[in-house]
Amino acid sequence: MIPRDLTFVLGGARSGKSVHAEQLAGRSALPVTYIATARVTDDAEFNARIAHHRERRPAHWQLLEAGVDLAGAVSKADAPDRCTLIDCLTLWLANLLCPADGDGLPLDQYRARIEALEAALANARGKMIVVSNEIGLGVVPLGAATRLYVDELGRLNQRIAALSTQATMMVAGLPLALKTAGGA
């Protein structure tokens, strides 16, 4: 059995997590598939962020834009001789809970999507790099919907961190090892 190779990169907004993950993917010396979870909207500022990510990525990387079926995208991209970079779980969860059309998935359906993602990552044969925001370091947010989102992202991050072989927290562009391939 091939051991799992899953690196989890966490951090706050503008912490350097995406750049760090991209550097890890580039250094893997494997062909890279970049799974993007952001959706282009009518928000010009957000679309500029997406464009910035696109411009920074090497042109030879394959791009796979994932909708709510992130597990399916992971399975499609995964191969023993490939590196798959998912950027990011934060936006994917937002798409599940608060989609642009306003109709979020029922609780059992979005939890099933999370379980499917967890299974896809657990069974991955190639190198996986997963990016997510750490948003639970502040005060308890106002509003039930925001609290649900923060709680669910925290739970999702815990699940992926437990599954990962390596985990890094980015702070001010500096990588802090939380979990290394040799142990915790």
Protein backbone atom coordinates (compact mmCIF):
# COMPACT_ATOMS: atom_id res chain seq x y z
CA MET A 1 0.00 0.00 0.00
CA ILE A 2 1.25 3.46 -0.91
CA PRO A 3 1.25 5.79 2.09
CA ARG A 4 -0.99 8.83 1.84
CA ASP A 5 0.74 12.13 0.99
CA LEU A 6 -1.62 14.88 2.13
CA THR A 7 -0.35 18.31 3.10
CA PHE A 8 -2.82 20.68 4.75
CA VAL A 9 -2.01 24.41 4.62
CA LEU A 10 -4.00 26.72 6.90
CA GLY A 11 -3.85 30.42 7.58
CA GLY A 12 -5.77 33.64 7.80
CA ALA A 13 -6.53 36.08 5.01
CA ARG A 14 -3.35 37.20 3.24
CA SER A 15 -1.21 34.89 5.39
CA GLY A 16 0.62 33.44 2.37
CA LYS A 17 -1.12 30.06 2.43
CA SER A 18 -1.89 29.89 -1.30
CA VAL A 19 1.60 31.00 -2.33
CA HIS A 20 3.13 28.45 0.05
CA ALA A 21 0.90 25.67 -1.29
CA GLU A 22 1.77 26.63 -4.87
CA GLN A 23 5.48 26.52 -4.01
CA LEU A 24 5.05 23.05 -2.48
CA ALA A 25 3.25 21.87 -5.61
CA GLY A 26 5.94 23.33 -7.85
CA ARG A 27 8.72 21.69 -5.84
CA SER A 28 7.02 18.29 -6.05
CA ALA A 29 8.47 17.82 -9.57
CA LEU A 30 5.13 16.23 -10.53
CA PRO A 31 2.56 17.42 -13.03
CA VAL A 32 0.10 19.62 -11.10
CA THR A 33 -3.67 19.84 -11.26
CA TYR A 34 -5.02 22.93 -9.53
CA ILE A 35 -8.58 22.51 -8.27
CA ALA A 36 -10.15 25.95 -7.89
CA THR A 37 -13.22 26.28 -5.68
CA ALA A 38 -13.93 30.00 -6.17
CA ARG A 39 -16.76 31.00 -8.46
CA VAL A 40 -16.62 34.07 -10.68
CA THR A 41 -19.42 36.40 -9.63
CA ASP A 42 -20.54 39.96 -10.33
CA ASP A 43 -18.24 41.14 -7.50
CA ALA A 44 -15.38 42.95 -9.26
CA GLU A 45 -13.07 42.93 -6.23
CA PHE A 46 -13.51 39.18 -5.71
CA ASN A 47 -13.00 38.51 -9.41
CA ALA A 48 -9.74 40.51 -9.22
CA ARG A 49 -8.61 38.12 -6.46
CA ILE A 50 -9.37 35.15 -8.70
CA ALA A 51 -7.46 36.80 -11.57
CA HIS A 52 -4.46 37.35 -9.27
CA HIS A 53 -4.41 33.63 -8.41
CA ARG A 54 -4.67 32.71 -12.11
CA GLU A 55 -1.80 35.01 -13.10
CA ARG A 56 0.45 33.59 -10.40
CA ARG A 57 -0.03 29.93 -11.41
CA PRO A 58 2.26 28.37 -14.00
CA ALA A 59 0.52 28.10 -17.37
CA HIS A 60 1.36 24.40 -17.73
CA TRP A 61 -0.62 23.41 -14.63
CA GLN A 62 -3.96 21.84 -15.38
CA LEU A 63 -6.97 23.68 -14.00
CA LEU A 64 -10.10 21.98 -12.75
CA GLU A 65 -12.88 24.22 -11.49
CA ALA A 66 -14.87 22.40 -8.85
CA GLY A 67 -18.47 23.06 -8.04
CA VAL A 68 -20.01 21.51 -4.97
CA ASP A 69 -18.74 18.04 -5.99
CA LEU A 70 -15.20 18.54 -4.75
CA ALA A 71 -14.84 14.81 -4.04
CA GLY A 72 -15.56 14.10 -7.70
CA ALA A 73 -12.98 16.68 -8.77
CA VAL A 74 -10.37 15.11 -6.46
CA SER A 75 -11.09 11.65 -7.86
CA LYS A 76 -10.86 12.97 -11.42
CA ALA A 77 -7.51 14.70 -10.82
CA ASP A 78 -5.89 12.04 -8.64
CA ALA A 79 -3.16 9.79 -10.03
CA PRO A 80 -0.07 8.24 -8.44
CA ASP A 81 2.26 10.39 -10.54
CA ARG A 82 0.45 13.73 -10.02
CA CYS A 83 0.17 16.51 -7.50
CA THR A 84 -3.28 17.95 -6.85
CA LEU A 85 -3.64 21.33 -5.15
CA ILE A 86 -7.08 22.31 -3.80
CA ASP A 87 -7.51 26.02 -3.14
CA CYS A 88 -9.55 26.33 -0.99
CA LEU A 89 -11.91 24.54 1.39
CA THR A 90 -13.14 27.87 2.75
CA LEU A 91 -14.78 28.92 -0.51
CA TRP A 92 -16.01 25.41 -1.24
CA LEU A 93 -17.85 25.27 2.09
CA ALA A 94 -19.27 28.75 1.46
CA ASN A 95 -20.59 27.47 -1.89
CA LEU A 96 -22.28 24.59 -0.06
CA LEU A 97 -23.79 26.63 2.75
CA CYS A 98 -24.36 29.98 1.06
CA PRO A 99 -24.48 29.51 -2.72
CA ALA A 100 -24.97 32.46 -5.05
CA ASP A 101 -28.52 31.34 -5.86
CA GLY A 102 -29.39 31.50 -2.16
CA ASP A 103 -30.46 27.87 -1.86
CA GLY A 104 -27.96 26.13 0.43
CA LEU A 105 -27.89 22.37 0.65
CA PRO A 106 -29.82 20.75 3.48
CA LEU A 107 -27.64 19.82 6.45
CA ASP A 108 -27.52 16.10 5.64
CA GLN A 109 -26.59 16.75 1.99
CA TYR A 110 -23.69 19.08 2.67
CA ARG A 111 -22.39 16.80 5.40
CA ALA A 112 -22.54 13.94 2.87
CA ARG A 113 -20.42 16.07 0.51
CA ILE A 114 -17.88 16.59 3.31
CA GLU A 115 -17.78 12.85 4.01
CA ALA A 116 -17.30 12.17 0.29
CA LEU A 117 -14.40 14.64 0.17
CA GLU A 118 -12.83 13.06 3.23
CA ALA A 119 -13.09 9.61 1.60
CA ALA A 120 -11.64 10.87 -1.70
CA LEU A 121 -8.65 12.38 0.12
CA ALA A 122 -8.18 9.27 2.26
CA ASN A 123 -8.08 7.11 -0.88
CA ALA A 124 -5.93 9.44 -2.97
CA ARG A 125 -2.96 7.82 -4.67
CA GLY A 126 -1.11 11.01 -5.62
CA LYS A 127 0.29 13.94 -3.71
CA MET A 128 -2.49 16.15 -2.32
CA ILE A 129 -2.14 19.72 -1.05
CA VAL A 130 -5.24 21.25 0.53
CA VAL A 131 -5.60 24.94 1.46
CA SER A 132 -8.09 26.34 3.97
CA ASN A 133 -8.58 29.42 6.09
CA GLU A 134 -8.33 29.34 9.85
CA ILE A 135 -11.15 31.68 10.81
CA GLY A 136 -11.92 30.49 14.32
CA LEU A 137 -9.29 32.49 16.19
CA GLY A 138 -11.46 35.53 16.85
CA VAL A 139 -14.58 36.30 18.78
CA VAL A 140 -17.80 34.32 18.43
CA PRO A 141 -19.47 35.88 15.37
CA LEU A 142 -22.87 37.53 15.45
CA GLY A 143 -25.66 35.83 13.56
CA ALA A 144 -26.65 32.18 13.41
CA ALA A 145 -25.61 31.71 9.75
CA THR A 146 -22.13 33.09 10.38
CA ARG A 147 -21.71 30.98 13.52
CA LEU A 148 -22.80 27.89 11.57
CA TYR A 149 -20.23 28.64 8.86
CA VAL A 150 -17.38 29.22 11.34
CA ASP A 151 -18.31 26.07 13.28
CA GLU A 152 -18.59 23.91 10.16
CA LEU A 153 -15.30 25.18 8.72
CA GLY A 154 -13.61 24.46 12.04
CA ARG A 155 -14.99 20.92 12.03
CA LEU A 156 -13.97 20.41 8.39
CA ASN A 157 -10.46 21.70 9.09
CA GLN A 158 -10.13 19.30 12.02
CA ARG A 159 -11.16 16.36 9.84
CA ILE A 160 -8.68 17.23 7.09
CA ALA A 161 -5.90 17.92 9.60
CA ALA A 162 -6.46 14.51 11.20
CA LEU A 163 -6.27 12.89 7.76
CA SER A 164 -3.18 14.83 6.70
CA THR A 165 0.39 13.59 6.87
CA GLN A 166 1.67 17.15 7.15
CA ALA A 167 0.01 20.37 8.29
CA THR A 168 1.34 23.92 8.14
CA MET A 169 -0.08 27.13 9.59
CA MET A 170 0.86 30.27 7.71
CA VAL A 171 1.28 33.48 9.68
CA ALA A 172 2.62 36.65 8.03
CA GLY A 173 4.09 34.59 5.20
CA LEU A 174 5.92 32.27 7.58
CA PRO A 175 5.18 28.53 7.61
CA LEU A 176 4.74 27.02 11.05
CA ALA A 177 4.83 23.21 11.08
CA LEU A 178 1.86 21.80 12.98
CA LYS A 179 2.28 18.19 11.87
CA THR A 180 5.21 16.61 10.06
CA ALA A 181 5.36 13.45 7.97
CA GLY A 182 7.14 11.70 10.83
CA GLY A 183 4.47 12.46 13.45
CA ALA A 184 2.57 15.24 15.13
